[in-house]
Protein backbone atom coordinates (compact mmCIF):
# COMPACT_ATOMS: atom_id res chain seq x y z
CA MET A 1 0.00 0.00 0.00
CA PRO A 2 1.20 3.55 -0.66
CA PRO A 3 2.94 5.13 2.37
CA GLU A 4 0.49 8.06 2.25
CA VAL A 5 -2.50 5.75 2.75
CA ILE A 6 -0.75 3.87 5.56
CA HIS A 7 0.07 7.15 7.28
CA TYR A 8 -3.51 8.39 6.79
CA ILE A 9 -5.00 5.30 8.42
CA GLU A 10 -2.46 5.28 11.25
CA LYS A 11 -3.03 8.98 11.94
CA TYR A 12 -6.83 9.20 11.70
CA GLY A 13 -7.70 5.61 12.62
CA TYR A 14 -11.40 4.77 12.52
CA LEU A 15 -12.37 7.96 10.69
CA ALA A 16 -9.87 7.21 7.91
CA ILE A 17 -11.16 3.65 7.55
CA PHE A 18 -14.76 4.87 7.34
CA ILE A 19 -13.95 7.51 4.71
CA LEU A 20 -11.82 5.21 2.52
CA ILE A 21 -14.44 2.45 2.50
CA PHE A 22 -17.41 4.79 2.17
CA ILE A 23 -16.15 6.78 -0.83
CA GLN A 24 -15.42 3.60 -2.76
CA GLU A 25 -18.82 2.12 -1.89
CA ILE A 26 -20.61 5.14 -3.36
CA GLY A 27 -18.69 4.69 -6.60
CA VAL A 28 -15.80 7.16 -6.21
CA PRO A 29 -12.67 5.64 -7.79
CA ASN A 30 -10.04 4.67 -5.25
CA PRO A 31 -6.59 3.35 -6.24
CA ILE A 32 -6.51 1.26 -3.04
CA PRO A 33 -9.20 -1.46 -3.02
CA ASN A 34 -11.20 -1.65 0.18
CA GLU A 35 -10.07 -5.24 0.70
CA PHE A 36 -6.52 -3.95 1.18
CA VAL A 37 -7.72 -1.22 3.53
CA LEU A 38 -9.50 -3.82 5.65
CA MET A 39 -6.55 -6.20 5.75
CA PHE A 40 -4.22 -3.40 6.81
CA SER A 41 -6.74 -2.30 9.43
CA GLY A 42 -6.85 -5.89 10.67
CA TYR A 43 -3.08 -5.82 10.90
CA LEU A 44 -3.29 -2.67 13.03
CA THR A 45 -5.64 -4.50 15.40
CA PHE A 46 -2.99 -7.22 15.69
CA LYS A 47 -0.45 -4.53 16.61
CA GLY A 48 -2.83 -3.17 19.25
CA ILE A 49 -3.13 0.21 17.54
CA LEU A 50 -6.85 -0.26 16.80
CA PHE A 51 -9.59 -2.31 18.53
CA LEU A 52 -10.96 -5.06 16.28
CA PRO A 53 -14.69 -4.81 17.24
CA PHE A 54 -14.61 -1.02 16.66
CA VAL A 55 -12.94 -1.44 13.26
CA PHE A 56 -15.53 -4.06 12.31
CA MET A 57 -18.43 -1.74 13.22
CA VAL A 58 -16.86 1.17 11.33
CA ALA A 59 -16.23 -0.94 8.22
CA LEU A 60 -19.72 -2.45 8.41
CA SER A 61 -21.32 1.00 8.73
CA ALA A 62 -19.30 2.51 5.88
CA ASP A 63 -20.09 -0.38 3.56
CA PHE A 64 -23.79 -0.56 4.42
CA ILE A 65 -24.41 3.19 4.24
CA GLY A 66 -22.38 3.62 1.06
CA THR A 67 -23.90 0.72 -0.83
CA ASN A 68 -27.41 1.79 0.11
CA ILE A 69 -26.84 5.33 -1.12
CA LEU A 70 -25.85 3.79 -4.45
CA TYR A 71 -28.76 1.34 -4.40
CA PHE A 72 -31.46 3.88 -3.54
CA THR A 73 -30.06 6.41 -6.03
CA PHE A 74 -30.58 3.94 -8.87
CA TYR A 75 -33.77 2.53 -7.36
CA PHE A 76 -35.48 5.92 -7.53
CA PHE A 77 -33.55 7.73 -10.28
CA GLY A 78 -32.02 4.91 -12.35
CA ALA A 79 -34.21 5.43 -15.42
CA TYR A 80 -33.39 9.15 -15.49
CA ILE A 81 -29.66 8.52 -15.00
CA LEU A 82 -29.56 6.00 -17.85
CA LYS A 83 -31.51 8.31 -20.13
CA HIS A 84 -29.16 11.21 -19.42
CA LYS A 85 -26.11 9.03 -18.83
CA PRO A 86 -23.09 11.21 -18.10
CA ARG A 87 -19.67 10.46 -19.50
CA TRP A 88 -18.37 9.40 -16.11
CA PHE A 89 -20.97 6.63 -15.75
CA PRO A 90 -18.75 3.69 -14.69
CA ILE A 91 -20.39 0.83 -16.60
CA SER A 92 -21.03 0.18 -20.29
CA GLU A 93 -24.48 -0.75 -21.57
CA LYS A 94 -23.24 -4.22 -22.59
CA LYS A 95 -21.83 -4.94 -19.13
CA LEU A 96 -24.95 -3.49 -17.54
CA ASN A 97 -27.21 -5.83 -19.49
CA ASN A 98 -24.98 -8.82 -18.79
CA LEU A 99 -24.91 -8.24 -15.04
CA SER A 100 -28.63 -7.50 -14.98
CA LEU A 101 -29.35 -10.85 -16.63
CA ARG A 102 -27.07 -12.76 -14.24
CA ILE A 103 -28.50 -11.12 -11.13
CA SER A 104 -32.13 -11.45 -12.19
CA LYS A 105 -31.67 -15.18 -12.87
CA GLY A 106 -29.65 -15.93 -9.75
CA GLY A 107 -31.97 -14.53 -7.09
CA LYS A 108 -30.87 -13.61 -3.56
CA LEU A 109 -27.85 -15.91 -3.48
CA ARG A 110 -26.42 -14.38 -6.65
CA ILE A 111 -26.81 -10.87 -5.21
CA TYR A 112 -25.05 -11.99 -2.01
CA ILE A 113 -22.14 -13.58 -3.91
CA PHE A 114 -21.76 -10.58 -6.21
CA ARG A 115 -21.70 -8.31 -3.15
CA LEU A 116 -18.62 -10.24 -2.02
CA THR A 117 -16.92 -10.22 -5.41
CA PRO A 118 -14.10 -7.71 -6.00
CA PHE A 119 -14.58 -5.27 -8.90
CA ILE A 120 -18.34 -5.86 -9.25
CA ARG A 121 -19.45 -5.21 -5.64
CA GLY A 122 -20.49 -1.65 -6.38
CA TYR A 123 -22.09 -2.57 -9.69
CA THR A 124 -24.31 -5.02 -7.81
CA SER A 125 -25.91 -2.18 -5.87
CA VAL A 126 -26.42 -0.25 -9.09
CA ILE A 127 -27.99 -3.23 -10.88
CA THR A 128 -30.30 -4.21 -8.01
CA GLY A 129 -31.54 -0.64 -7.89
CA LEU A 130 -32.13 -0.54 -11.65
CA LEU A 131 -33.94 -3.88 -11.52
CA GLN A 132 -36.27 -2.42 -8.89
CA ILE A 133 -35.49 -5.21 -6.45
CA LYS A 134 -37.40 -4.26 -3.33
CA PRO A 135 -35.58 -2.81 -0.31
CA LYS A 136 -37.01 -5.58 1.91
CA VAL A 137 -35.08 -8.03 -0.29
CA PHE A 138 -31.88 -6.04 -0.82
CA LEU A 139 -31.30 -4.55 2.63
CA PRO A 140 -30.94 -7.88 4.53
CA ILE A 141 -28.56 -9.11 1.83
CA ALA A 142 -26.62 -5.84 2.01
CA ILE A 143 -26.13 -6.01 5.78
CA PHE A 144 -25.27 -9.73 5.84
CA SER A 145 -22.81 -9.42 2.94
CA ALA A 146 -21.24 -6.34 4.57
CA MET A 147 -20.76 -8.33 7.78
CA THR A 148 -19.22 -11.27 5.90
CA TRP A 149 -16.96 -9.12 3.75
CA SER A 150 -15.72 -6.87 6.57
CA ALA A 151 -15.13 -9.68 9.05
CA PHE A 152 -13.33 -11.88 6.52
CA TYR A 153 -10.69 -9.36 5.44
CA LEU A 154 -10.22 -7.89 8.92
CA LEU A 155 -9.59 -11.34 10.38
CA ILE A 156 -7.13 -12.15 7.60
CA GLY A 157 -5.16 -9.01 8.43
CA ASN A 158 -5.33 -9.77 12.15
CA LEU A 159 -4.49 -13.48 12.00
CA PHE A 160 -1.63 -13.02 9.55
CA GLY A 161 -0.26 -9.99 11.38
CA PRO A 162 3.15 -11.60 12.06
CA TYR A 163 3.60 -12.14 8.32
CA TRP A 164 2.36 -8.75 7.16
CA ASN A 165 5.54 -7.80 5.27
CA THR A 166 5.32 -10.97 3.19
CA ILE A 167 1.62 -10.45 2.58
CA GLU A 168 2.14 -6.84 1.52
CA ASN A 169 4.75 -7.87 -1.04
CA ASN A 170 2.37 -10.43 -2.57
CA ILE A 171 -0.93 -8.70 -1.93
CA GLY A 172 -1.97 -8.61 -5.60
CA ASN A 173 -2.06 -12.40 -5.86
CA LEU A 174 -3.37 -12.80 -2.32
CA LYS A 175 -6.58 -10.96 -3.16
CA TYR A 176 -7.61 -13.62 -5.66
CA VAL A 177 -6.58 -16.47 -3.36
CA LEU A 178 -8.68 -15.06 -0.52
CA PHE A 179 -11.65 -14.53 -2.79
CA SER A 180 -11.39 -18.13 -4.02
CA ILE A 181 -11.32 -19.37 -0.42
CA LEU A 182 -14.36 -17.26 0.44
CA ILE A 183 -16.33 -18.59 -2.54
CA LEU A 184 -15.32 -22.17 -1.64
CA ILE A 185 -16.62 -21.68 1.91
CA LEU A 186 -19.89 -20.29 0.58
CA LEU A 187 -20.27 -23.21 -1.83
CA ILE A 188 -19.71 -25.72 0.98
CA ILE A 189 -22.37 -23.98 3.08
CA LEU A 190 -24.76 -23.94 0.12
CA ILE A 191 -24.20 -27.64 -0.68
CA ARG A 192 -24.75 -28.62 2.95
CA TYR A 193 -27.95 -26.58 3.02
CA ILE A 194 -29.25 -28.22 -0.18
CA LEU A 195 -28.41 -31.73 1.06
CA LYS A 196 -30.07 -31.06 4.40
CA HIS A 197 -33.14 -29.63 2.67
CA ARG A 198 -33.42 -32.67 0.40
CA LYS A 199 -32.99 -35.02 3.35
CA ASN A 200 -35.76 -33.30 5.29
CA LYS A 201 -37.98 -33.37 2.22
CA ALA A 202 -37.35 -37.10 1.76
CA LEU A 203 -38.18 -37.79 5.41
CA LYS A 204 -41.45 -35.88 5.10
CA SER A 205 -42.33 -37.85 1.96
CA GLU A 206 -41.80 -41.13 3.82
CA GLU A 207 -44.17 -40.00 6.56
């Protein structure tokens, strides 16, 4: 991570973490992905500079508030924005249609997984708003995915604190490894749920 960002987080602590995560969640370009910010913040909790539960609550709040600003903006004004699409609009029409199709077919689980996926997290909030997916559906997914995402990267930074220098030197590749692990965990949970559901259904049929 750039020394300026490290110094900013070390100097302003929780406020810096909130701002860095929040601005990226509302769609403002940030050269430092939030995953890196969280891992470094987790490392600072390992060093005793920050308190892990406080960092988690700050990250959770920044993510949830930011993503909902994006979601509600496109939920209420999406049609107008697309009609008068400014040059800075961050997604092409082709990509927009592709993501819309994938989300609409995948249901709640697809939204949850996309909310955990680097590079398309923010687009997910945009698409769900444009698709007019109801707040009662999106908000629980948003809070649960924010909890999963924040906790995962913070714990990685905390648990691997003693090896931070090595991690920092290989952080580009690490991001994809961690994401693969997270998806694998989610798939295992999903498979266990499906098997349990089928087993319960079979038992009811026998009765």
